[in-house]
């Protein structure tokens, strides 16, 4: 394993950005930046050995504008949407900033994707990575509690990308951290991902209203376009949370995606209850065309603070938030 550090331009806030690149002996590499704790690059060989970039991203931190797609970013304090930016906790009502029409999205006007994180690179055995840390002050974006969060991204010789998110708060608060990378296994810039082959280990999904807020129900995928329990092309657009089979809190296979031409495949494992399947429907605001990348966002359920029937997302003082996900890369 090798890990190198280099300048990565200037952040939109005017700070100097740094990029770490980790490469294993099979040629798989990971590039991660301290602006937004962002995955900016993953290069993977195809079945013939050809190396391509499979992440949508830029070559300079200044291009990572917080309102343009959340490309590769670590999203929080609460990823995905909260209806009207409102929730109640401990008998108190909170009003978050609404940055997605009438709703709150991915932490608000200045979420964790728009912050410079402290970084500490490391190597342990056949695994190398960077631990990014951030202190989110009490009241930031109107969230309660000072939240100390870490995002650990690492690569190993077996072709696995590890994503570990941890945090503690000094007051009761709500937490939902994810990564928002856009993947194209045929190669970034190669065209639409709707021909990729998809399998989702999910018997249910969350139906949403016209503003993408869950209704509170969990519907069966049986007989619907959301049934990817057997491999089939993506074919159409999605921006929905899939309810992953198995026990919440236990790392398990969630999603498998393969490009039929290059043979590249990724398998996502997570301990979260859901994975947001997003097919880049709104990428027109970035240099990347619509549907040119797909996102798999392992997470707790959107708008969970307003749905007591969903798995809980409240973090109490003295508790540690811990989200584990892993992506395994292969080619055949």
Protein backbone atom coordinates (compact mmCIF):
# COMPACT_ATOMS: atom_id res chain seq x y z
CA UNK A 1 0.00 0.00 0.00
CA UNK A 2 1.19 3.53 -0.75
CA UNK A 3 -0.21 6.82 0.51
CA UNK A 4 0.83 10.24 -0.73
CA UNK A 5 -0.15 13.80 0.14
CA UNK A 6 -0.38 16.73 -2.27
CA UNK A 7 -1.99 20.19 -2.56
CA UNK A 8 -5.52 20.21 -3.94
CA UNK A 9 -6.10 23.90 -4.68
CA UNK A 10 -8.16 26.28 -2.61
CA UNK A 11 -11.53 25.56 -1.03
CA UNK A 12 -14.59 27.74 -1.79
CA UNK A 13 -13.97 29.23 1.68
CA UNK A 14 -10.45 30.29 0.66
CA UNK A 15 -8.52 27.68 2.66
CA UNK A 16 -5.73 25.51 1.28
CA UNK A 17 -6.98 22.01 0.49
CA UNK A 18 -5.06 18.75 0.68
CA UNK A 19 -5.53 15.48 -1.20
CA UNK A 20 -4.41 12.03 -0.01
CA UNK A 21 -4.07 9.25 -2.59
CA UNK A 22 -3.93 5.62 -1.46
CA UNK A 23 -3.09 2.80 -3.88
CA UNK A 24 -2.91 -0.95 -3.42
CA UNK A 25 -0.76 -3.38 -5.39
CA UNK A 26 -3.61 -4.34 -7.78
CA UNK A 27 -3.82 -0.74 -9.05
CA UNK A 28 -6.99 0.24 -7.21
CA UNK A 29 -6.63 3.76 -5.80
CA UNK A 30 -8.59 6.12 -3.57
CA UNK A 31 -8.29 9.92 -3.50
CA UNK A 32 -9.76 11.78 -0.51
CA UNK A 33 -9.75 15.49 0.35
CA UNK A 34 -10.09 17.42 3.61
CA UNK A 35 -12.69 19.78 2.08
CA UNK A 36 -15.94 18.05 2.97
CA UNK A 37 -14.07 14.82 3.82
CA UNK A 38 -14.70 14.13 0.14
CA UNK A 39 -13.95 11.11 -2.02
CA UNK A 40 -12.64 12.80 -5.17
CA UNK A 41 -11.25 9.78 -7.01
CA UNK A 42 -11.46 6.01 -7.27
CA UNK A 43 -9.52 4.37 -10.09
CA UNK A 44 -10.16 0.70 -10.79
CA UNK A 45 -8.87 -1.77 -13.42
CA UNK A 46 -11.47 -3.38 -15.68
CA UNK A 47 -11.50 -7.07 -16.67
CA UNK A 48 -8.69 -6.44 -19.20
CA UNK A 49 -6.55 -4.44 -16.75
CA UNK A 50 -7.50 -1.02 -18.16
CA UNK A 51 -7.50 1.61 -15.41
CA UNK A 52 -10.31 4.19 -15.36
CA UNK A 53 -11.70 6.83 -13.03
CA UNK A 54 -15.06 5.56 -11.75
CA UNK A 55 -16.05 8.53 -9.54
CA UNK A 56 -17.56 11.80 -10.76
CA UNK A 57 -15.35 14.56 -9.41
CA UNK A 58 -12.99 17.45 -10.03
CA UNK A 59 -9.24 18.11 -9.95
CA UNK A 60 -9.42 21.11 -7.60
CA UNK A 61 -11.22 21.74 -4.29
CA UNK A 62 -12.64 25.05 -5.55
CA UNK A 63 -14.95 23.13 -7.88
CA UNK A 64 -16.71 21.39 -4.99
CA UNK A 65 -19.50 23.89 -4.41
CA UNK A 66 -21.83 22.84 -1.59
CA UNK A 67 -25.01 23.40 -3.60
CA UNK A 68 -23.93 21.38 -6.66
CA UNK A 69 -24.58 17.70 -6.24
CA UNK A 70 -22.66 16.88 -3.01
CA UNK A 71 -20.12 15.06 -5.19
CA UNK A 72 -18.27 12.51 -3.06
CA UNK A 73 -18.96 14.44 0.13
CA UNK A 74 -19.51 13.36 3.71
CA UNK A 75 -23.02 14.58 4.50
CA UNK A 76 -24.35 15.59 7.95
CA UNK A 77 -25.34 16.41 10.62
CA UNK A 78 -28.44 14.75 9.21
CA UNK A 79 -28.11 13.36 5.68
CA UNK A 80 -31.09 13.31 3.31
CA UNK A 81 -34.29 15.26 3.99
CA UNK A 82 -36.22 16.49 7.02
CA UNK A 83 -39.74 17.72 6.25
CA UNK A 84 -40.02 21.52 6.55
CA UNK A 85 -36.76 21.41 8.53
CA UNK A 86 -38.77 20.71 11.68
CA UNK A 87 -38.47 18.12 14.43
CA UNK A 88 -39.08 17.81 18.16
CA UNK A 89 -36.67 16.42 20.73
CA UNK A 90 -37.15 16.23 24.48
CA UNK A 91 -40.31 18.31 24.28
CA UNK A 92 -38.56 21.15 22.39
CA UNK A 93 -39.25 22.11 18.80
CA UNK A 94 -36.37 22.81 16.39
CA UNK A 95 -36.39 24.63 13.07
CA UNK A 96 -33.47 23.82 10.78
CA UNK A 97 -32.51 25.80 7.68
CA UNK A 98 -34.47 24.73 4.60
CA UNK A 99 -32.18 24.45 1.58
CA UNK A 100 -34.21 22.08 -0.63
CA UNK A 101 -37.41 23.91 -1.37
CA UNK A 102 -39.51 23.60 1.77
CA UNK A 103 -37.26 20.92 3.27
CA UNK A 104 -33.88 20.54 4.98
CA UNK A 105 -31.31 18.51 3.01
CA UNK A 106 -27.90 17.01 3.92
CA UNK A 107 -27.24 19.24 6.92
CA UNK A 108 -28.51 22.58 5.63
CA UNK A 109 -26.95 25.66 4.06
CA UNK A 110 -23.45 24.74 5.32
CA UNK A 111 -23.37 21.05 6.05
CA UNK A 112 -20.32 18.90 6.69
CA UNK A 113 -19.68 18.78 2.92
CA UNK A 114 -18.82 22.50 3.09
CA UNK A 115 -16.34 22.38 5.98
CA UNK A 116 -12.58 21.80 6.11
CA UNK A 117 -11.89 18.75 8.29
CA UNK A 118 -8.76 17.95 10.27
CA UNK A 119 -6.96 14.98 8.75
CA UNK A 120 -4.69 12.22 10.10
CA UNK A 121 -3.37 9.64 7.59
CA UNK A 122 -2.48 6.15 8.86
CA UNK A 123 -1.35 2.68 7.79
CA UNK A 124 -2.18 -0.51 9.67
CA UNK A 125 -1.15 -3.84 8.16
CA UNK A 126 -2.54 -4.06 4.62
CA UNK A 127 -4.92 -1.13 5.16
CA UNK A 128 -4.20 2.60 4.74
CA UNK A 129 -6.54 5.53 5.19
CA UNK A 130 -7.25 8.97 6.56
CA UNK A 131 -9.29 9.82 9.65
CA UNK A 132 -11.04 13.16 9.22
CA UNK A 133 -12.38 14.94 12.31
CA UNK A 134 -14.68 17.90 12.80
CA UNK A 135 -16.34 19.70 15.69
CA UNK A 136 -19.86 20.85 14.88
CA UNK A 137 -20.80 23.58 17.39
CA UNK A 138 -24.00 23.60 19.42
CA UNK A 139 -26.58 25.44 17.31
CA UNK A 140 -24.83 25.00 13.97
CA UNK A 141 -27.58 25.00 11.32
CA UNK A 142 -29.85 25.07 14.42
CA UNK A 143 -28.98 21.53 15.52
CA UNK A 144 -28.75 21.01 19.30
CA UNK A 145 -25.51 19.94 20.93
CA UNK A 146 -21.82 20.14 20.15
CA UNK A 147 -21.12 17.10 17.97
CA UNK A 148 -17.59 15.74 17.59
CA UNK A 149 -17.51 13.57 14.47
CA UNK A 150 -14.94 11.48 12.63
CA UNK A 151 -15.00 10.01 9.12
CA UNK A 152 -12.47 7.23 8.52
CA UNK A 153 -11.91 6.28 4.86
CA UNK A 154 -9.45 3.45 4.15
CA UNK A 155 -8.42 1.06 1.37
CA UNK A 156 -6.93 -2.44 1.73
CA UNK A 157 -5.13 -4.98 -0.45
CA UNK A 158 -8.32 -7.02 -0.90
CA UNK A 159 -9.89 -4.17 -2.89
CA UNK A 160 -12.18 -2.94 -0.12
CA UNK A 161 -13.07 0.66 0.74
CA UNK A 162 -13.96 1.07 4.41
CA UNK A 163 -16.15 3.94 5.62
CA UNK A 164 -16.50 4.41 9.38
CA UNK A 165 -18.37 7.36 10.88
CA UNK A 166 -18.32 8.00 14.63
CA UNK A 167 -19.44 10.84 16.88
CA UNK A 168 -20.40 12.01 20.36
CA UNK A 169 -22.61 14.90 21.50
CA UNK A 170 -22.91 16.84 24.76
CA UNK A 171 -26.68 17.20 24.31
CA UNK A 172 -29.42 15.00 22.82
CA UNK A 173 -29.33 15.47 19.05
CA UNK A 174 -30.19 13.71 15.78
CA UNK A 175 -27.52 12.08 13.62
CA UNK A 176 -27.40 10.55 10.13
CA UNK A 177 -24.01 10.54 8.35
CA UNK A 178 -23.37 9.19 4.84
CA UNK A 179 -21.12 9.51 1.83
CA UNK A 180 -22.51 10.90 -1.44
CA UNK A 181 -20.14 9.52 -4.10
CA UNK A 182 -21.39 9.23 -7.68
CA UNK A 183 -20.23 6.04 -9.43
CA UNK A 184 -19.93 5.10 -13.09
CA UNK A 185 -18.29 1.70 -13.41
CA UNK A 186 -17.85 2.12 -17.18
CA UNK A 187 -15.67 5.13 -16.41
CA UNK A 188 -16.47 8.72 -15.48
CA UNK A 189 -17.64 10.60 -18.55
CA UNK A 190 -18.56 7.43 -20.45
CA UNK A 191 -22.31 8.10 -20.56
CA UNK A 192 -25.43 6.94 -18.74
CA UNK A 193 -25.39 4.44 -15.88
CA UNK A 194 -28.95 3.24 -16.58
CA UNK A 195 -27.55 0.15 -18.35
CA UNK A 196 -25.62 -0.95 -15.24
CA UNK A 197 -26.82 -4.22 -13.71
CA UNK A 198 -28.23 -3.80 -10.21
CA UNK A 199 -29.14 -6.11 -7.35
CA UNK A 200 -30.54 -4.67 -4.11
CA UNK A 201 -30.99 -6.89 -1.06
CA UNK A 202 -34.21 -5.12 -0.11
CA UNK A 203 -37.74 -6.46 0.16
CA UNK A 204 -39.12 -2.98 0.93
CA UNK A 205 -38.73 0.68 0.05
CA UNK A 206 -39.97 4.01 1.41
CA UNK A 207 -42.66 5.68 -0.71
CA UNK A 208 -42.40 9.49 -0.78
CA UNK A 209 -44.58 12.51 -1.42
CA UNK A 210 -44.06 15.09 -4.18
CA UNK A 211 -41.21 16.73 -2.21
CA UNK A 212 -39.36 13.41 -1.67
CA UNK A 213 -40.40 13.13 2.00
CA UNK A 214 -41.28 9.58 3.18
CA UNK A 215 -44.95 8.98 3.90
CA UNK A 216 -44.03 6.82 6.90
CA UNK A 217 -45.02 3.57 5.22
CA UNK A 218 -42.75 0.74 4.13
CA UNK A 219 -44.01 -0.81 0.90
CA UNK A 220 -43.08 -4.19 -0.50
CA UNK A 221 -41.03 -4.11 -3.69
CA UNK A 222 -43.03 -7.06 -5.01
CA UNK A 223 -44.47 -6.24 -8.43
CA UNK A 224 -42.92 -2.75 -8.54
CA UNK A 225 -40.05 -1.05 -10.36
CA UNK A 226 -38.17 -1.14 -7.02
CA UNK A 227 -37.79 -4.93 -7.08
CA UNK A 228 -34.08 -5.53 -7.65
CA UNK A 229 -33.88 -8.72 -5.64
CA UNK A 230 -32.76 -10.35 -8.89
CA UNK A 231 -30.16 -8.70 -11.11
CA UNK A 232 -31.55 -6.41 -13.81
CA UNK A 233 -30.59 -3.14 -15.54
CA UNK A 234 -31.28 0.05 -13.58
CA UNK A 235 -33.31 1.24 -16.62
CA UNK A 236 -35.10 4.19 -15.00
CA UNK A 237 -34.53 7.05 -12.57
CA UNK A 238 -34.62 6.61 -8.80
CA UNK A 239 -34.23 8.77 -5.72
CA UNK A 240 -35.62 6.50 -3.04
CA UNK A 241 -34.55 4.83 0.18
CA UNK A 242 -34.40 1.05 -0.09
CA UNK A 243 -35.07 -0.87 3.13
CA UNK A 244 -32.19 -3.33 3.40
CA UNK A 245 -32.97 -6.88 4.48
CA UNK A 246 -31.35 -8.23 7.62
CA UNK A 247 -30.70 -6.92 11.10
CA UNK A 248 -30.18 -3.19 11.59
CA UNK A 249 -26.77 -2.53 13.15
CA UNK A 250 -25.18 -5.61 11.57
CA UNK A 251 -22.83 -5.29 8.57
CA UNK A 252 -24.42 -7.14 5.65
CA UNK A 253 -24.60 -7.14 1.85
CA UNK A 254 -26.90 -4.35 0.68
CA UNK A 255 -26.32 -3.58 -3.01
CA UNK A 256 -24.38 -5.07 -5.94
CA UNK A 257 -23.77 -3.15 -9.18
CA UNK A 258 -21.88 -4.24 -12.29
CA UNK A 259 -21.06 -2.65 -15.63
CA UNK A 260 -21.67 -5.38 -18.24
CA UNK A 261 -19.00 -4.07 -20.64
CA UNK A 262 -15.99 -3.37 -18.40
CA UNK A 263 -16.83 -6.14 -15.94
CA UNK A 264 -16.26 -3.80 -13.00
CA UNK A 265 -18.42 -4.56 -9.99
CA UNK A 266 -18.94 -3.00 -6.59
CA UNK A 267 -20.67 -4.59 -3.62
CA UNK A 268 -21.86 -2.35 -0.80
CA UNK A 269 -22.09 -3.66 2.76
CA UNK A 270 -23.66 -1.58 5.52
CA UNK A 271 -24.99 -1.75 9.07
CA UNK A 272 -27.61 0.94 8.38
CA UNK A 273 -31.33 0.18 7.78
CA UNK A 274 -31.47 1.92 4.40
CA UNK A 275 -29.59 2.85 1.24
CA UNK A 276 -30.69 5.83 -0.82
CA UNK A 277 -30.59 4.79 -4.48
CA UNK A 278 -30.12 7.93 -6.57
CA UNK A 279 -29.44 7.88 -10.31
CA UNK A 280 -28.14 11.42 -10.80
CA UNK A 281 -31.49 12.82 -11.94
CA UNK A 282 -30.56 16.43 -11.09
CA UNK A 283 -26.98 16.54 -12.33
CA UNK A 284 -27.86 19.20 -14.94
CA UNK A 285 -26.54 21.83 -12.51
CA UNK A 286 -23.02 20.36 -12.65
CA UNK A 287 -20.67 19.61 -15.60
CA UNK A 288 -21.91 16.03 -15.50
CA UNK A 289 -24.94 15.01 -17.61
CA UNK A 290 -28.12 13.64 -16.14
CA UNK A 291 -27.83 9.96 -15.11
CA UNK A 292 -24.05 9.92 -15.63
CA UNK A 293 -23.48 8.58 -12.12
CA UNK A 294 -25.39 6.68 -9.45
CA UNK A 295 -25.26 7.14 -5.68
CA UNK A 296 -25.60 4.48 -3.01
CA UNK A 297 -26.02 6.37 0.25
CA UNK A 298 -26.09 4.00 3.26
CA UNK A 299 -28.01 5.74 6.01
CA UNK A 300 -30.81 5.86 8.53
CA UNK A 301 -34.22 6.64 7.09
CA UNK A 302 -34.95 10.13 5.71
CA UNK A 303 -37.14 12.31 7.95
CA UNK A 304 -36.78 9.70 10.71
CA UNK A 305 -37.04 12.32 13.52
CA UNK A 306 -40.67 12.85 12.46
CA UNK A 307 -41.53 9.15 12.17
CA UNK A 308 -41.43 7.28 15.50
CA UNK A 309 -42.17 4.08 13.58
CA UNK A 310 -38.73 4.32 11.90
CA UNK A 311 -35.50 3.13 13.58
CA UNK A 312 -34.39 5.83 16.07
CA UNK A 313 -31.82 8.48 15.12
CA UNK A 314 -31.44 10.29 18.45
CA UNK A 315 -27.98 10.35 20.02
CA UNK A 316 -27.82 10.91 23.78
CA UNK A 317 -24.83 12.27 25.75
CA UNK A 318 -22.59 9.39 26.76
CA UNK A 319 -23.51 7.37 23.66
CA UNK A 320 -21.36 6.97 20.53
CA UNK A 321 -22.81 7.14 17.05
CA UNK A 322 -21.14 4.53 14.83
CA UNK A 323 -22.01 3.86 11.19
CA UNK A 324 -20.01 1.19 9.33
CA UNK A 325 -20.13 0.63 5.59
CA UNK A 326 -17.78 -1.06 3.13
CA UNK A 327 -17.49 -1.29 -0.66
CA UNK A 328 -15.79 -4.28 -2.23
CA UNK A 329 -14.45 -3.82 -5.79
CA UNK A 330 -13.95 -6.64 -8.30
CA UNK A 331 -13.83 -7.24 -12.05
CA UNK A 332 -14.68 -10.22 -14.19
